[in-house]
Each structure stands twice: as C-alpha cells, then as structure tokens.
Amino acid sequence: MVDFEQQLDLEFDGEFLMPRINQQAYRDIYTLEGWLHRLCLASWMRAYGALWHQHLDPKLRKNLERLAERSRQRLHLDAETSGDLIWQSDIGQLLSTLTDPQIAGDVHHLAGQDQQAIARDFDEICEIRNVLAHNRALSPQTYALLRVSIIRLQKGVDHFRSCLLYNSSNILDDDDGDLGSYLAMLLEGNDWRKFQAFVARGHGFIEYVTLPTTPFDKGSDPDDSWKWAPTTWTTSPRSP
C-alpha cells in the first residue's frame, strides 16, 4: 500500500516539505478564477453596458472602489494592477457579484449554467482554497473533489469562450445601422494594406476588431503577421 506521504508527492524546499498537489491545485484555481472574473464582468456589461458599475450593491461597490484605490497605491510592488472593480474582488466578493439576481439571465446566456449551480461548485472551491491559503496539505481525495467542481465550472467557461472569443458574430456592413456607417466614414480613404478593421455584433456585444497590420508587401518577418488582433467589446443594455 502506498503511504500517505507518497500520495502527497512531497518535495523538499530546503528543510521544508512541499506537496506538489498543493501547487497544482493552486494553479487550477488561479486559472479558473481568472476566467470567472471575465465571465462576471461580461455578464454585467451585457446587462447594463458601460454603466454596469452603477448597478452594483452600494456597499459592495464602495468596498471595491476602496480596494481599487489601495491597488493604485501599491505600484511600487510592480505587481499586476487593475482599476476595474470586478478585478478588485476577492473570491467571496466575486461569488456575490457573479450570482447577483440582476444578471441571472446574462450569466445563463454566457455560461450555459444557472447561478445556483455555479454557486454550489464555487462554494466547494472556496473551502479548498482556504485550506491552501492556510498552508495545509491537500490529500489526493481533496484534489479529486476540487477537480470535480472545477470540471463542472469549466464547462461554463468553455461556453463563455465560445460566445465571446470564438463566436460567429455578424459583421456589420457599411450601411448596417449607425455603427457600420460611422466606421465606414472613419475609414474613408484608408490604406487597407496598413490598417484593417470591422465591427461585428453577437451575443449582446458589439465588437470592434482590428486585423494584423504588418506591411506584408515589404518583406517583414512573417512571424509578425500572425500576432493576435486586438478586440474591444462594448454593449448596449441587453441588446439582442
């Protein structure tokens, strides 16, 4: 029988034993939490557009604004910072914000899951995350429970990614409403070899997309031609 220490897959850091399973669990949670922040922000934007923050619970909004101010005061640490309120939220605040009844329909549309199902798995992950935060070793059984919750939530993340990152949005023609006409006016006389852009609509979002702009006809490094095209999303409240 394999003993408990072997199951933990321990390694030494100096004289200190570090279970590798803790490292993997933290990595899994870190990745999932990042996607849930994105899902949360997109759901609020889909519901209320650019003014989504005005619809947050006033007490929660005040706390997040305070955290954003503290984040700006930590620039000397050279760590990742963001002025976005959703990205200021800790895991408990993220859960509250993601399961707010105001955005129930938007979360379901973007994640393909209802808020109650998300909350159940999120609660389990929060408990295990707290164990990690207090330097307690996870067992293989603990990690298995964590993976079950992550796999269920990952299905919602995959649905969200298919909606926003890999969706089949409708590209707006030059005469397709105000947005298409406005972009056409801005790009009148544009040199399409140097700048290519379009506007698309899908899943309640308007996408402003610019394509790769490397001057292909000047013999530049072909690897530069395939850099990711920057995309910006905006919304009108619960647009179709």
C-alpha atoms as a PDB file:
ATOM      1  CA  MET A   1       0.000   0.000   0.000  1.00  0.00           C
ATOM      2  CA  VAL A   2       1.249   3.478  -0.862  1.00  0.00           C
ATOM      3  CA  ASP A   3       1.662   5.534   2.302  1.00  0.00           C
ATOM      4  CA  PHE A   4       0.132   8.985   2.786  1.00  0.00           C
ATOM      5  CA  GLU A   5       3.419  10.857   2.258  1.00  0.00           C
ATOM      6  CA  GLN A   6       3.917   9.198  -1.120  1.00  0.00           C
ATOM      7  CA  GLN A   7       0.374  10.056  -2.159  1.00  0.00           C
ATOM      8  CA  LEU A   8       1.086  13.719  -1.452  1.00  0.00           C
ATOM      9  CA  ASP A   9       4.093  13.626  -3.819  1.00  0.00           C
ATOM     10  CA  LEU A  10       6.285  15.636  -1.465  1.00  0.00           C
ATOM     11  CA  GLU A  11       9.394  17.554  -2.438  1.00  0.00           C
ATOM     12  CA  PHE A  12      11.940  19.395  -0.297  1.00  0.00           C
ATOM     13  CA  ASP A  13      12.366  23.165  -0.381  1.00  0.00           C
ATOM     14  CA  GLY A  14      15.398  23.413   1.861  1.00  0.00           C
ATOM     15  CA  GLU A  15      14.290  21.654   5.027  1.00  0.00           C
ATOM     16  CA  PHE A  16      10.631  22.287   4.279  1.00  0.00           C
ATOM     17  CA  LEU A  17       8.376  19.685   2.671  1.00  0.00           C
ATOM     18  CA  MET A  18       6.145  20.989  -0.105  1.00  0.00           C
ATOM     19  CA  PRO A  19       3.317  18.826  -1.524  1.00  0.00           C
ATOM     20  CA  ARG A  20       3.234  19.133  -5.313  1.00  0.00           C
ATOM     21  CA  ILE A  21      -0.509  18.523  -5.222  1.00  0.00           C
ATOM     22  CA  ASN A  22      -0.944  21.909  -3.473  1.00  0.00           C
ATOM     23  CA  GLN A  23       0.944  23.614  -6.278  1.00  0.00           C
ATOM     24  CA  GLN A  24      -1.268  22.042  -8.938  1.00  0.00           C
ATOM     25  CA  ALA A  25      -4.445  22.828  -7.001  1.00  0.00           C
ATOM     26  CA  TYR A  26      -3.472  26.483  -6.660  1.00  0.00           C
ATOM     27  CA  ARG A  27      -2.679  26.688 -10.367  1.00  0.00           C
ATOM     28  CA  ASP A  28      -6.057  25.160 -11.278  1.00  0.00           C
ATOM     29  CA  ILE A  29      -7.924  27.593  -9.009  1.00  0.00           C
ATOM     30  CA  TYR A  30      -5.914  30.584 -10.248  1.00  0.00           C
ATOM     31  CA  THR A  31      -6.791  29.816 -13.868  1.00  0.00           C
ATOM     32  CA  LEU A  32     -10.475  29.191 -13.175  1.00  0.00           C
ATOM     33  CA  GLU A  33     -10.808  32.299 -11.029  1.00  0.00           C
ATOM     34  CA  GLY A  34      -9.366  34.409 -13.835  1.00  0.00           C
ATOM     35  CA  TRP A  35     -11.979  33.139 -16.262  1.00  0.00           C
ATOM     36  CA  LEU A  36     -14.797  33.652 -13.754  1.00  0.00           C
ATOM     37  CA  HIS A  37     -13.731  37.278 -13.326  1.00  0.00           C
ATOM     38  CA  ARG A  38     -14.055  37.673 -17.096  1.00  0.00           C
ATOM     39  CA  LEU A  39     -17.441  35.953 -17.144  1.00  0.00           C
ATOM     40  CA  CYS A  40     -18.667  38.169 -14.314  1.00  0.00           C
ATOM     41  CA  LEU A  41     -17.548  41.389 -15.998  1.00  0.00           C
ATOM     42  CA  ALA A  42     -19.037  40.349 -19.346  1.00  0.00           C
ATOM     43  CA  SER A  43     -22.372  39.469 -17.694  1.00  0.00           C
ATOM     44  CA  TRP A  44     -22.647  42.874 -16.009  1.00  0.00           C
ATOM     45  CA  MET A  45     -21.672  44.636 -19.246  1.00  0.00           C
ATOM     46  CA  ARG A  46     -24.221  42.621 -21.196  1.00  0.00           C
ATOM     47  CA  ALA A  47     -26.901  43.621 -18.713  1.00  0.00           C
ATOM     48  CA  TYR A  48     -26.120  47.317 -18.260  1.00  0.00           C
ATOM     49  CA  GLY A  49     -23.480  48.366 -20.773  1.00  0.00           C
ATOM     50  CA  ALA A  50     -20.700  50.763 -19.839  1.00  0.00           C
ATOM     51  CA  LEU A  51     -22.561  51.956 -16.714  1.00  0.00           C
ATOM     52  CA  TRP A  52     -22.764  48.470 -15.178  1.00  0.00           C
ATOM     53  CA  HIS A  53     -20.888  49.504 -12.020  1.00  0.00           C
ATOM     54  CA  GLN A  54     -23.734  51.841 -11.072  1.00  0.00           C
ATOM     55  CA  HIS A  55     -25.981  48.830 -10.570  1.00  0.00           C
ATOM     56  CA  LEU A  56     -23.760  47.012  -8.080  1.00  0.00           C
ATOM     57  CA  ASP A  57     -24.837  46.733  -4.461  1.00  0.00           C
ATOM     58  CA  PRO A  58     -23.813  50.132  -2.995  1.00  0.00           C
ATOM     59  CA  LYS A  59     -21.910  48.610  -0.062  1.00  0.00           C
ATOM     60  CA  LEU A  60     -20.049  46.180  -2.319  1.00  0.00           C
ATOM     61  CA  ARG A  61     -19.261  48.916  -4.818  1.00  0.00           C
ATOM     62  CA  LYS A  62     -17.823  51.110  -2.083  1.00  0.00           C
ATOM     63  CA  ASN A  63     -15.600  48.268  -0.866  1.00  0.00           C
ATOM     64  CA  LEU A  64     -14.372  47.521  -4.393  1.00  0.00           C
ATOM     65  CA  GLU A  65     -13.624  51.195  -5.037  1.00  0.00           C
ATOM     66  CA  ARG A  66     -11.614  51.265  -1.813  1.00  0.00           C
ATOM     67  CA  LEU A  67      -9.660  48.210  -2.961  1.00  0.00           C
ATOM     68  CA  ALA A  68      -9.036  49.840  -6.341  1.00  0.00           C
ATOM     69  CA  GLU A  69      -7.562  52.879  -4.600  1.00  0.00           C
ATOM     70  CA  ARG A  70      -5.329  50.671  -2.462  1.00  0.00           C
ATOM     71  CA  SER A  71      -4.210  48.863  -5.609  1.00  0.00           C
ATOM     72  CA  ARG A  72      -3.069  52.148  -7.134  1.00  0.00           C
ATOM     73  CA  GLN A  73      -1.014  52.821  -4.010  1.00  0.00           C
ATOM     74  CA  ARG A  74       0.893  49.551  -4.457  1.00  0.00           C
ATOM     75  CA  LEU A  75       2.542  50.411  -7.771  1.00  0.00           C
ATOM     76  CA  HIS A  76       5.949  50.235  -6.101  1.00  0.00           C
ATOM     77  CA  LEU A  77       5.477  46.474  -5.719  1.00  0.00           C
ATOM     78  CA  ASP A  78       5.434  46.112  -9.516  1.00  0.00           C
ATOM     79  CA  ALA A  79       2.603  43.568  -9.333  1.00  0.00           C
ATOM     80  CA  GLU A  80      -0.397  43.273 -11.616  1.00  0.00           C
ATOM     81  CA  THR A  81      -2.908  46.055 -11.001  1.00  0.00           C
ATOM     82  CA  SER A  82      -6.282  46.950 -12.474  1.00  0.00           C
ATOM     83  CA  GLY A  83      -8.721  49.781 -11.951  1.00  0.00           C
ATOM     84  CA  ASP A  84     -11.640  47.552 -12.919  1.00  0.00           C
ATOM     85  CA  LEU A  85     -13.914  46.892  -9.960  1.00  0.00           C
ATOM     86  CA  ILE A  86     -14.597  43.244 -10.808  1.00  0.00           C
ATOM     87  CA  TRP A  87     -10.873  42.523 -10.864  1.00  0.00           C
ATOM     88  CA  GLN A  88     -10.539  44.027  -7.379  1.00  0.00           C
ATOM     89  CA  SER A  89     -12.915  41.466  -5.903  1.00  0.00           C
ATOM     90  CA  ASP A  90     -11.694  38.676  -3.671  1.00  0.00           C
ATOM     91  CA  ILE A  91     -13.165  35.227  -4.186  1.00  0.00           C
ATOM     92  CA  GLY A  92     -16.096  35.851  -1.830  1.00  0.00           C
ATOM     93  CA  GLN A  93     -16.962  39.160  -3.492  1.00  0.00           C
ATOM     94  CA  LEU A  94     -16.611  37.536  -6.896  1.00  0.00           C
ATOM     95  CA  LEU A  95     -19.128  34.872  -5.937  1.00  0.00           C
ATOM     96  CA  SER A  96     -21.594  37.504  -4.672  1.00  0.00           C
ATOM     97  CA  THR A  97     -21.202  39.596  -7.813  1.00  0.00           C
ATOM     98  CA  LEU A  98     -21.466  36.651 -10.195  1.00  0.00           C
ATOM     99  CA  THR A  99     -24.619  35.316  -8.522  1.00  0.00           C
ATOM    100  CA  ASP A 100     -26.416  38.672  -8.232  1.00  0.00           C
ATOM    101  CA  PRO A 101     -30.043  38.125  -9.361  1.00  0.00           C
ATOM    102  CA  GLN A 102     -29.844  41.207 -11.601  1.00  0.00           C
ATOM    103  CA  ILE A 103     -27.619  39.340 -14.063  1.00  0.00           C
ATOM    104  CA  ALA A 104     -29.115  35.854 -13.755  1.00  0.00           C
ATOM    105  CA  GLY A 105     -30.235  35.740 -17.394  1.00  0.00           C
ATOM    106  CA  ASP A 106     -26.959  37.122 -18.679  1.00  0.00           C
ATOM    107  CA  VAL A 107     -24.862  34.616 -16.732  1.00  0.00           C
ATOM    108  CA  HIS A 108     -27.040  31.779 -18.016  1.00  0.00           C
ATOM    109  CA  HIS A 109     -26.704  33.031 -21.599  1.00  0.00           C
ATOM    110  CA  LEU A 110     -22.916  33.376 -21.462  1.00  0.00           C
ATOM    111  CA  ALA A 111     -22.110  30.344 -19.287  1.00  0.00           C
ATOM    112  CA  GLY A 112     -24.956  27.978 -20.132  1.00  0.00           C
ATOM    113  CA  GLN A 113     -25.409  27.370 -16.385  1.00  0.00           C
ATOM    114  CA  ASP A 114     -27.690  28.869 -13.764  1.00  0.00           C
ATOM    115  CA  GLN A 115     -26.295  30.815 -10.833  1.00  0.00           C
ATOM    116  CA  GLN A 116     -27.329  28.202  -8.266  1.00  0.00           C
ATOM    117  CA  ALA A 117     -25.227  25.511  -9.952  1.00  0.00           C
ATOM    118  CA  ILE A 118     -22.268  27.896 -10.200  1.00  0.00           C
ATOM    119  CA  ALA A 119     -22.609  28.849  -6.530  1.00  0.00           C
ATOM    120  CA  ARG A 120     -22.605  25.209  -5.346  1.00  0.00           C
ATOM    121  CA  ASP A 121     -19.329  24.380  -7.067  1.00  0.00           C
ATOM    122  CA  PHE A 122     -17.834  27.764  -6.252  1.00  0.00           C
ATOM    123  CA  ASP A 123     -18.537  27.250  -2.526  1.00  0.00           C
ATOM    124  CA  GLU A 124     -16.674  23.931  -2.594  1.00  0.00           C
ATOM    125  CA  ILE A 125     -13.701  25.537  -4.341  1.00  0.00           C
ATOM    126  CA  CYS A 126     -13.674  28.411  -1.821  1.00  0.00           C
ATOM    127  CA  GLU A 127     -13.379  25.927   1.051  1.00  0.00           C
ATOM    128  CA  ILE A 128     -10.431  24.165  -0.550  1.00  0.00           C
ATOM    129  CA  ARG A 129      -8.842  27.485  -1.462  1.00  0.00           C
ATOM    130  CA  ASN A 130      -8.988  28.490   2.208  1.00  0.00           C
ATOM    131  CA  VAL A 131      -7.174  25.284   3.126  1.00  0.00           C
ATOM    132  CA  LEU A 132      -4.428  26.176   0.650  1.00  0.00           C
ATOM    133  CA  ALA A 133      -4.242  29.753   1.933  1.00  0.00           C
ATOM    134  CA  HIS A 134      -3.541  28.475   5.459  1.00  0.00           C
ATOM    135  CA  ASN A 135      -0.660  26.231   4.332  1.00  0.00           C
ATOM    136  CA  ARG A 136      -2.465  22.952   4.854  1.00  0.00           C
ATOM    137  CA  ALA A 137      -1.512  19.954   2.701  1.00  0.00           C
ATOM    138  CA  LEU A 138      -4.218  18.607   0.408  1.00  0.00           C
ATOM    139  CA  SER A 139      -4.751  14.880   0.025  1.00  0.00           C
ATOM    140  CA  PRO A 140      -5.385  13.195  -3.321  1.00  0.00           C
ATOM    141  CA  GLN A 141      -9.019  12.855  -2.268  1.00  0.00           C
ATOM    142  CA  THR A 142      -9.245  16.594  -1.612  1.00  0.00           C
ATOM    143  CA  TYR A 143      -7.762  17.297  -5.024  1.00  0.00           C
ATOM    144  CA  ALA A 144     -10.213  14.878  -6.651  1.00  0.00           C
ATOM    145  CA  LEU A 145     -13.130  16.789  -5.080  1.00  0.00           C
ATOM    146  CA  LEU A 146     -11.608  20.041  -6.296  1.00  0.00           C
ATOM    147  CA  ARG A 147     -11.271  18.699  -9.844  1.00  0.00           C
ATOM    148  CA  VAL A 148     -14.939  17.645  -9.926  1.00  0.00           C
ATOM    149  CA  SER A 149     -16.060  21.187  -9.083  1.00  0.00           C
ATOM    150  CA  ILE A 150     -13.568  22.745 -11.497  1.00  0.00           C
ATOM    151  CA  ILE A 151     -14.613  20.454 -14.354  1.00  0.00           C
ATOM    152  CA  ARG A 152     -18.265  21.414 -13.894  1.00  0.00           C
ATOM    153  CA  LEU A 153     -17.448  25.133 -13.839  1.00  0.00           C
ATOM    154  CA  GLN A 154     -15.040  24.712 -16.736  1.00  0.00           C
ATOM    155  CA  LYS A 155     -17.977  23.689 -18.916  1.00  0.00           C
ATOM    156  CA  GLY A 156     -19.448  27.119 -18.241  1.00  0.00           C
ATOM    157  CA  VAL A 157     -16.110  28.759 -19.021  1.00  0.00           C
ATOM    158  CA  ASP A 158     -15.899  26.865 -22.314  1.00  0.00           C
ATOM    159  CA  HIS A 159     -19.416  28.017 -23.210  1.00  0.00           C
ATOM    160  CA  PHE A 160     -18.429  31.595 -22.362  1.00  0.00           C
ATOM    161  CA  ARG A 161     -15.301  31.364 -24.524  1.00  0.00           C
ATOM    162  CA  SER A 162     -17.349  30.042 -27.434  1.00  0.00           C
ATOM    163  CA  CYS A 163     -19.722  33.003 -27.092  1.00  0.00           C
ATOM    164  CA  LEU A 164     -17.165  35.787 -26.907  1.00  0.00           C
ATOM    165  CA  LEU A 165     -13.843  34.541 -28.278  1.00  0.00           C
ATOM    166  CA  TYR A 166     -14.811  32.027 -30.938  1.00  0.00           C
ATOM    167  CA  ASN A 167     -18.316  33.105 -31.834  1.00  0.00           C
ATOM    168  CA  SER A 168     -19.729  33.629 -35.315  1.00  0.00           C
ATOM    169  CA  SER A 169     -20.660  37.301 -34.962  1.00  0.00           C
ATOM    170  CA  ASN A 170     -22.398  39.192 -37.732  1.00  0.00           C
ATOM    171  CA  ILE A 171     -20.058  41.677 -39.390  1.00  0.00           C
ATOM    172  CA  LEU A 172     -21.839  44.988 -39.926  1.00  0.00           C
ATOM    173  CA  ASP A 173     -21.811  46.367 -43.462  1.00  0.00           C
ATOM    174  CA  ASP A 174     -21.140  49.997 -44.234  1.00  0.00           C
ATOM    175  CA  ASP A 175     -24.873  50.702 -44.429  1.00  0.00           C
ATOM    176  CA  ASP A 176     -25.874  48.485 -41.479  1.00  0.00           C
ATOM    177  CA  GLY A 177     -27.128  50.991 -38.932  1.00  0.00           C
ATOM    178  CA  ASP A 178     -25.270  53.826 -37.249  1.00  0.00           C
ATOM    179  CA  LEU A 179     -22.219  51.777 -36.227  1.00  0.00           C
ATOM    180  CA  GLY A 180     -21.491  50.411 -39.691  1.00  0.00           C
ATOM    181  CA  SER A 181     -21.966  53.803 -41.307  1.00  0.00           C
ATOM    182  CA  TYR A 182     -19.849  55.578 -38.689  1.00  0.00           C
ATOM    183  CA  LEU A 183     -16.947  53.154 -39.117  1.00  0.00           C
ATOM    184  CA  ALA A 184     -17.179  53.482 -42.897  1.00  0.00           C
ATOM    185  CA  MET A 185     -16.948  57.263 -42.531  1.00  0.00           C
ATOM    186  CA  LEU A 186     -13.880  56.987 -40.281  1.00  0.00           C
ATOM    187  CA  LEU A 187     -12.158  54.619 -42.698  1.00  0.00           C
ATOM    188  CA  GLU A 188     -12.887  56.607 -45.839  1.00  0.00           C
ATOM    189  CA  GLY A 189      -9.640  56.833 -47.818  1.00  0.00           C
ATOM    190  CA  ASN A 190      -7.995  54.283 -45.525  1.00  0.00           C
ATOM    191  CA  ASP A 191      -4.957  52.357 -46.763  1.00  0.00           C
ATOM    192  CA  TRP A 192      -6.220  48.829 -46.168  1.00  0.00           C
ATOM    193  CA  ARG A 193      -2.708  47.426 -46.504  1.00  0.00           C
ATOM    194  CA  LYS A 194      -1.782  49.185 -43.258  1.00  0.00           C
ATOM    195  CA  PHE A 195      -4.995  49.175 -41.240  1.00  0.00           C
ATOM    196  CA  GLN A 196      -7.916  46.755 -41.393  1.00  0.00           C
ATOM    197  CA  ALA A 197     -10.895  46.933 -39.065  1.00  0.00           C
ATOM    198  CA  PHE A 198     -14.519  45.935 -38.831  1.00  0.00           C
ATOM    199  CA  VAL A 199     -17.468  45.992 -36.447  1.00  0.00           C
ATOM    200  CA  ALA A 200     -19.480  42.888 -35.569  1.00  0.00           C
ATOM    201  CA  ARG A 201     -22.495  42.107 -33.408  1.00  0.00           C
ATOM    202  CA  GLY A 202     -23.246  38.966 -31.440  1.00  0.00           C
ATOM    203  CA  HIS A 203     -24.480  37.676 -28.042  1.00  0.00           C
ATOM    204  CA  GLY A 204     -25.378  41.176 -26.841  1.00  0.00           C
ATOM    205  CA  PHE A 205     -21.968  42.652 -27.660  1.00  0.00           C
ATOM    206  CA  ILE A 206     -20.583  44.976 -30.271  1.00  0.00           C
ATOM    207  CA  GLU A 207     -17.029  44.012 -31.264  1.00  0.00           C
ATOM    208  CA  TYR A 208     -14.505  46.463 -32.667  1.00  0.00           C
ATOM    209  CA  VAL A 209     -11.813  44.380 -34.320  1.00  0.00           C
ATOM    210  CA  THR A 210      -8.529  45.326 -35.975  1.00  0.00           C
ATOM    211  CA  LEU A 211      -6.734  42.741 -38.066  1.00  0.00           C
ATOM    212  CA  PRO A 212      -2.949  42.266 -38.355  1.00  0.00           C
ATOM    213  CA  THR A 213      -1.370  45.407 -39.771  1.00  0.00           C
ATOM    214  CA  THR A 214       2.130  44.268 -40.679  1.00  0.00           C
ATOM    215  CA  PRO A 215       3.068  45.614 -44.154  1.00  0.00           C
ATOM    216  CA  PHE A 216       3.087  42.241 -45.889  1.00  0.00           C
ATOM    217  CA  ASP A 217       4.390  43.751 -49.144  1.00  0.00           C
ATOM    218  CA  LYS A 218       7.649  44.959 -47.555  1.00  0.00           C
ATOM    219  CA  GLY A 219       9.283  41.652 -46.718  1.00  0.00           C
ATOM    220  CA  SER A 220       8.960  41.931 -42.938  1.00  0.00           C
ATOM    221  CA  ASP A 221       9.297  38.975 -40.578  1.00  0.00           C
ATOM    222  CA  PRO A 222       6.364  36.666 -41.425  1.00  0.00           C
ATOM    223  CA  ASP A 223       6.033  35.690 -37.774  1.00  0.00           C
ATOM    224  CA  ASP A 224       4.884  39.239 -37.011  1.00  0.00           C
ATOM    225  CA  SER A 225       1.995  38.863 -39.432  1.00  0.00           C
ATOM    226  CA  TRP A 226       0.107  36.491 -37.155  1.00  0.00           C
ATOM    227  CA  LYS A 227       0.040  38.413 -33.911  1.00  0.00           C
ATOM    228  CA  TRP A 228      -3.327  38.409 -32.198  1.00  0.00           C
ATOM    229  CA  ALA A 229      -5.640  41.129 -33.421  1.00  0.00           C
ATOM    230  CA  PRO A 230      -6.803  43.421 -30.604  1.00  0.00           C
ATOM    231  CA  THR A 231     -10.540  43.338 -29.996  1.00  0.00           C
ATOM    232  CA  THR A 232     -12.706  45.613 -27.850  1.00  0.00           C
ATOM    233  CA  TRP A 233     -16.194  44.664 -26.648  1.00  0.00           C
ATOM    234  CA  THR A 234     -18.918  47.080 -25.694  1.00  0.00           C
ATOM    235  CA  THR A 235     -22.639  46.663 -25.175  1.00  0.00           C
ATOM    236  CA  SER A 236     -25.982  48.281 -25.160  1.00  0.00           C
ATOM    237  CA  PRO A 237     -28.080  47.004 -22.255  1.00  0.00           C
ATOM    238  CA  ARG A 238     -29.371  43.512 -23.072  1.00  0.00           C
ATOM    239  CA  SER A 239     -29.157  44.089 -26.805  1.00  0.00           C
ATOM    240  CA  PRO A 240     -30.041  41.008 -28.870  1.00  0.00           C
END
